[in-house]
Amino acid sequence: FLGLFPKKILQELRNYAREMETENESNDDFIHLMNQLLHTFLYRPITIQKSIQILMAGFKAYLDELDEQRNSAADTAETAPCEEACPSSDVAQENVTHMSTPK
């Protein structure tokens, strides 16, 4: 239910406003109250929806930032050589070649 005013009720309110005009009564207060009612039905839900969108956009930006950090951490872990990533492992020690210096 976002900004949809019941048409039957609106028609009856407008008919009553026209009746007041034809009877030469002051309908300024009635028109003002009717406008307030319409604004309440139309703009309040739109305002609430916009507020929710703003909050969701901030949260989405935060999640995107966390995702970038996670992806960059995963990328650096994949590109790091095994010797640097795990220097105490047996694999790192087996892959080390010793060069002897000529005498």
N, C-alpha and C. Protein backbone atom coordinates (compact mmCIF):
# COMPACT_ATOMS: atom_id res chain seq x y z
N PHE A 1 0.84 -1.18 0.00
CA PHE A 1 0.00 0.00 0.00
C PHE A 1 0.88 1.24 0.00
N LEU A 2 1.24 1.71 -1.16
CA LEU A 2 2.06 2.91 -1.24
C LEU A 2 1.35 3.97 -2.07
N GLY A 3 0.74 4.91 -1.39
CA GLY A 3 0.17 6.06 -2.05
C GLY A 3 -1.11 5.82 -2.84
N LEU A 4 -1.82 4.77 -2.55
CA LEU A 4 -3.07 4.51 -3.27
C LEU A 4 -4.24 4.90 -2.38
N PHE A 5 -4.95 5.93 -2.76
CA PHE A 5 -6.11 6.39 -2.00
C PHE A 5 -7.35 5.72 -2.57
N PRO A 6 -8.24 5.21 -1.73
CA PRO A 6 -9.46 4.56 -2.25
C PRO A 6 -10.29 5.53 -3.10
N LYS A 7 -10.53 5.17 -4.36
CA LYS A 7 -11.20 6.06 -5.30
C LYS A 7 -12.64 6.37 -4.91
N LYS A 8 -13.35 5.39 -4.39
CA LYS A 8 -14.75 5.63 -3.99
C LYS A 8 -14.83 6.69 -2.90
N ILE A 9 -13.96 6.60 -1.94
CA ILE A 9 -13.97 7.59 -0.85
C ILE A 9 -13.61 8.97 -1.39
N LEU A 10 -12.62 9.02 -2.27
CA LEU A 10 -12.22 10.29 -2.87
C LEU A 10 -13.36 10.90 -3.68
N GLN A 11 -14.09 10.09 -4.42
CA GLN A 11 -15.22 10.59 -5.20
C GLN A 11 -16.30 11.17 -4.28
N GLU A 12 -16.59 10.47 -3.19
CA GLU A 12 -17.60 10.97 -2.26
C GLU A 12 -17.16 12.28 -1.60
N LEU A 13 -15.90 12.38 -1.27
CA LEU A 13 -15.39 13.62 -0.67
C LEU A 13 -15.49 14.78 -1.66
N ARG A 14 -15.16 14.53 -2.92
CA ARG A 14 -15.27 15.58 -3.93
C ARG A 14 -16.73 15.96 -4.19
N ASN A 15 -17.61 14.96 -4.18
CA ASN A 15 -19.04 15.26 -4.34
C ASN A 15 -19.53 16.14 -3.19
N TYR A 16 -19.12 15.83 -1.99
CA TYR A 16 -19.51 16.64 -0.84
C TYR A 16 -18.96 18.06 -0.96
N ALA A 17 -17.73 18.19 -1.44
CA ALA A 17 -17.14 19.53 -1.63
C ALA A 17 -17.94 20.31 -2.67
N ARG A 18 -18.37 19.67 -3.74
CA ARG A 18 -19.19 20.34 -4.76
C ARG A 18 -20.55 20.75 -4.19
N GLU A 19 -21.14 19.89 -3.36
CA GLU A 19 -22.42 20.22 -2.73
C GLU A 19 -22.28 21.45 -1.84
N MET A 20 -21.18 21.53 -1.14
CA MET A 20 -20.95 22.69 -0.27
C MET A 20 -20.82 23.95 -1.10
N GLU A 21 -20.17 23.84 -2.27
CA GLU A 21 -20.01 25.00 -3.15
C GLU A 21 -21.36 25.45 -3.70
N THR A 22 -22.19 24.50 -4.11
CA THR A 22 -23.49 24.86 -4.68
C THR A 22 -24.42 25.47 -3.63
N GLU A 23 -24.27 25.11 -2.38
CA GLU A 23 -25.09 25.68 -1.30
C GLU A 23 -24.49 26.97 -0.75
N ASN A 24 -23.42 27.46 -1.40
CA ASN A 24 -22.75 28.70 -1.03
C ASN A 24 -22.23 28.67 0.42
N GLU A 25 -21.80 27.52 0.85
CA GLU A 25 -21.18 27.42 2.17
C GLU A 25 -19.67 27.52 2.00
N SER A 26 -19.01 27.93 3.03
CA SER A 26 -17.55 28.02 3.00
C SER A 26 -16.98 26.61 3.13
N ASN A 27 -16.29 26.21 2.11
CA ASN A 27 -15.71 24.87 2.13
C ASN A 27 -14.18 24.91 2.21
N ASP A 28 -13.63 26.03 2.62
CA ASP A 28 -12.17 26.15 2.71
C ASP A 28 -11.59 25.17 3.73
N ASP A 29 -12.24 25.08 4.89
CA ASP A 29 -11.75 24.15 5.91
C ASP A 29 -11.83 22.70 5.43
N PHE A 30 -12.94 22.39 4.76
CA PHE A 30 -13.11 21.03 4.25
C PHE A 30 -12.05 20.71 3.20
N ILE A 31 -11.79 21.64 2.29
CA ILE A 31 -10.76 21.43 1.25
C ILE A 31 -9.40 21.26 1.90
N HIS A 32 -9.10 22.06 2.91
CA HIS A 32 -7.82 21.96 3.62
C HIS A 32 -7.68 20.58 4.28
N LEU A 33 -8.74 20.14 4.95
CA LEU A 33 -8.70 18.83 5.60
C LEU A 33 -8.59 17.70 4.58
N MET A 34 -9.27 17.85 3.46
CA MET A 34 -9.18 16.83 2.41
C MET A 34 -7.76 16.77 1.83
N ASN A 35 -7.16 17.92 1.64
CA ASN A 35 -5.78 17.95 1.14
C ASN A 35 -4.81 17.30 2.14
N GLN A 36 -5.02 17.55 3.43
CA GLN A 36 -4.18 16.91 4.44
C GLN A 36 -4.35 15.39 4.42
N LEU A 37 -5.58 14.95 4.25
CA LEU A 37 -5.84 13.52 4.18
C LEU A 37 -5.15 12.89 2.97
N LEU A 38 -5.23 13.56 1.83
CA LEU A 38 -4.57 13.05 0.62
C LEU A 38 -3.06 13.01 0.79
N HIS A 39 -2.51 14.06 1.39
CA HIS A 39 -1.06 14.10 1.61
C HIS A 39 -0.62 12.97 2.54
N THR A 40 -1.46 12.70 3.55
CA THR A 40 -1.13 11.62 4.47
C THR A 40 -1.10 10.28 3.75
N PHE A 41 -2.07 10.05 2.89
CA PHE A 41 -2.12 8.78 2.17
C PHE A 41 -1.06 8.69 1.09
N LEU A 42 -0.73 9.80 0.44
CA LEU A 42 0.19 9.75 -0.69
C LEU A 42 1.65 9.91 -0.31
N TYR A 43 1.95 10.90 0.52
CA TYR A 43 3.35 11.26 0.75
C TYR A 43 3.99 10.54 1.92
N ARG A 44 3.24 10.19 2.94
CA ARG A 44 3.85 9.51 4.08
C ARG A 44 4.44 8.16 3.68
N PRO A 45 3.71 7.30 2.95
CA PRO A 45 4.33 6.03 2.53
C PRO A 45 5.53 6.23 1.62
N ILE A 46 5.47 7.24 0.76
CA ILE A 46 6.59 7.52 -0.13
C ILE A 46 7.80 7.97 0.69
N THR A 47 7.58 8.78 1.71
CA THR A 47 8.66 9.23 2.58
C THR A 47 9.28 8.05 3.33
N ILE A 48 8.43 7.17 3.84
CA ILE A 48 8.94 5.99 4.55
C ILE A 48 9.73 5.11 3.60
N GLN A 49 9.22 4.91 2.39
CA GLN A 49 9.92 4.08 1.41
C GLN A 49 11.28 4.70 1.07
N LYS A 50 11.34 6.01 0.90
CA LYS A 50 12.59 6.68 0.57
C LYS A 50 13.59 6.54 1.72
N SER A 51 13.11 6.65 2.96
CA SER A 51 14.00 6.49 4.12
C SER A 51 14.57 5.08 4.16
N ILE A 52 13.75 4.10 3.87
CA ILE A 52 14.23 2.71 3.84
C ILE A 52 15.27 2.53 2.74
N GLN A 53 15.04 3.13 1.58
CA GLN A 53 16.00 3.03 0.48
C GLN A 53 17.33 3.66 0.86
N ILE A 54 17.30 4.79 1.55
CA ILE A 54 18.54 5.45 1.97
C ILE A 54 19.30 4.56 2.95
N LEU A 55 18.59 3.98 3.92
CA LEU A 55 19.24 3.09 4.89
C LEU A 55 19.80 1.85 4.20
N MET A 56 19.06 1.30 3.27
CA MET A 56 19.52 0.11 2.56
C MET A 56 20.74 0.42 1.68
N ALA A 57 20.78 1.61 1.09
CA ALA A 57 21.92 1.99 0.26
C ALA A 57 23.19 2.07 1.09
N GLY A 58 23.09 2.64 2.29
CA GLY A 58 24.25 2.70 3.18
C GLY A 58 24.72 1.32 3.58
N PHE A 59 23.80 0.44 3.90
CA PHE A 59 24.16 -0.91 4.29
C PHE A 59 24.76 -1.68 3.12
N LYS A 60 24.21 -1.46 1.92
CA LYS A 60 24.75 -2.13 0.72
C LYS A 60 26.17 -1.66 0.44
N ALA A 61 26.44 -0.37 0.61
CA ALA A 61 27.80 0.14 0.42
C ALA A 61 28.76 -0.50 1.41
N TYR A 62 28.31 -0.67 2.65
CA TYR A 62 29.14 -1.31 3.67
C TYR A 62 29.43 -2.77 3.29
N LEU A 63 28.41 -3.48 2.81
CA LEU A 63 28.61 -4.87 2.40
C LEU A 63 29.53 -4.97 1.18
N ASP A 64 29.42 -4.04 0.25
CA ASP A 64 30.31 -4.03 -0.91
C ASP A 64 31.76 -3.83 -0.48
N GLU A 65 31.97 -2.93 0.49
CA GLU A 65 33.32 -2.68 1.00
C GLU A 65 33.88 -3.93 1.67
N LEU A 66 33.07 -4.61 2.46
CA LEU A 66 33.52 -5.85 3.09
C LEU A 66 33.84 -6.92 2.06
N ASP A 67 33.04 -6.98 1.00
CA ASP A 67 33.28 -7.95 -0.06
C ASP A 67 34.59 -7.66 -0.77
N GLU A 68 34.88 -6.40 -1.02
CA GLU A 68 36.15 -6.03 -1.65
C GLU A 68 37.33 -6.43 -0.78
N GLN A 69 37.22 -6.17 0.52
CA GLN A 69 38.31 -6.54 1.44
C GLN A 69 38.52 -8.06 1.45
N ARG A 70 37.42 -8.80 1.46
CA ARG A 70 37.51 -10.25 1.47
C ARG A 70 38.14 -10.76 0.18
N ASN A 71 37.74 -10.20 -0.95
CA ASN A 71 38.29 -10.63 -2.23
C ASN A 71 39.76 -10.27 -2.36
N SER A 72 40.16 -9.09 -1.89
CA SER A 72 41.57 -8.71 -1.97
C SER A 72 42.42 -9.58 -1.05
N ALA A 73 41.90 -9.97 0.11
CA ALA A 73 42.64 -10.85 1.00
C ALA A 73 42.78 -12.23 0.39
N ALA A 74 41.75 -12.71 -0.30
CA ALA A 74 41.81 -14.01 -0.96
C ALA A 74 42.79 -13.98 -2.13
N ASP A 75 42.84 -12.86 -2.86
CA ASP A 75 43.75 -12.73 -3.99
C ASP A 75 45.20 -12.74 -3.53
N THR A 76 45.51 -12.04 -2.45
CA THR A 76 46.89 -12.01 -1.97
C THR A 76 47.30 -13.37 -1.42
N ALA A 77 46.38 -14.12 -0.84
CA ALA A 77 46.71 -15.45 -0.34
C ALA A 77 46.98 -16.41 -1.50
N GLU A 78 46.30 -16.24 -2.61
CA GLU A 78 46.51 -17.11 -3.77
C GLU A 78 47.80 -16.79 -4.50
N THR A 79 48.23 -15.55 -4.53
CA THR A 79 49.42 -15.17 -5.28
C THR A 79 50.70 -15.28 -4.47
N ALA A 80 50.61 -15.42 -3.17
CA ALA A 80 51.82 -15.52 -2.35
C ALA A 80 52.46 -16.89 -2.57
N PRO A 81 53.79 -16.94 -2.77
CA PRO A 81 54.44 -18.24 -2.93
C PRO A 81 54.39 -19.03 -1.63
N CYS A 82 54.55 -20.30 -1.77
CA CYS A 82 54.42 -21.19 -0.62
C CYS A 82 55.50 -20.92 0.41
N GLU A 83 56.69 -20.58 -0.02
CA GLU A 83 57.79 -20.34 0.92
C GLU A 83 57.48 -19.16 1.83
N GLU A 84 56.88 -18.14 1.23
CA GLU A 84 56.56 -16.97 2.03
C GLU A 84 55.32 -17.21 2.88
N ALA A 85 54.38 -17.95 2.34
CA ALA A 85 53.14 -18.18 3.06
C ALA A 85 53.34 -19.14 4.23
N CYS A 86 54.17 -20.16 4.03
CA CYS A 86 54.40 -21.15 5.09
C CYS A 86 55.87 -21.53 5.13
N PRO A 87 56.74 -20.70 5.71
CA PRO A 87 58.18 -20.95 5.66
C PRO A 87 58.61 -22.17 6.48
N SER A 88 57.86 -22.59 7.43
CA SER A 88 58.29 -23.72 8.26
C SER A 88 57.81 -25.05 7.72
N SER A 89 57.17 -25.06 6.57
CA SER A 89 56.64 -26.30 6.05
C SER A 89 57.75 -27.14 5.42
N ASP A 90 57.52 -28.43 5.33
CA ASP A 90 58.48 -29.34 4.71
C ASP A 90 58.61 -29.08 3.23
N VAL A 91 57.50 -28.65 2.60
CA VAL A 91 57.52 -28.39 1.17
C VAL A 91 58.47 -27.25 0.87
N ALA A 92 58.45 -26.22 1.68
CA ALA A 92 59.33 -25.08 1.45
C ALA A 92 60.78 -25.49 1.59
N GLN A 93 61.11 -26.35 2.52
CA GLN A 93 62.50 -26.76 2.72
C GLN A 93 62.96 -27.71 1.62
N GLU A 94 62.08 -28.51 1.06
CA GLU A 94 62.46 -29.42 -0.01
C GLU A 94 62.73 -28.68 -1.31
N ASN A 95 62.03 -27.57 -1.52
CA ASN A 95 62.19 -26.83 -2.77
C ASN A 95 63.39 -25.90 -2.76
N VAL A 96 64.05 -25.76 -1.65
CA VAL A 96 65.21 -24.87 -1.58
C VAL A 96 66.41 -25.60 -2.17
N THR A 97 67.10 -24.96 -3.11
CA THR A 97 68.31 -25.56 -3.69
C THR A 97 69.50 -24.83 -3.12
N HIS A 98 70.49 -25.62 -2.75
CA HIS A 98 71.73 -25.04 -2.21
C HIS A 98 72.76 -24.97 -3.31
N MET A 99 73.32 -23.83 -3.46
CA MET A 99 74.36 -23.66 -4.48
C MET A 99 75.70 -23.60 -3.76
N SER A 100 76.61 -24.33 -4.24
CA SER A 100 77.94 -24.28 -3.64
C SER A 100 78.76 -23.23 -4.38
N THR A 101 79.53 -22.55 -3.66
CA THR A 101 80.38 -21.53 -4.27
C THR A 101 81.67 -22.16 -4.76
N PRO A 102 82.10 -21.83 -5.96
CA PRO A 102 83.35 -22.42 -6.47
C PRO A 102 84.55 -21.91 -5.67
N LYS A 103 85.54 -22.78 -5.49
CA LYS A 103 86.73 -22.40 -4.72
C LYS A 103 87.90 -22.18 -5.59
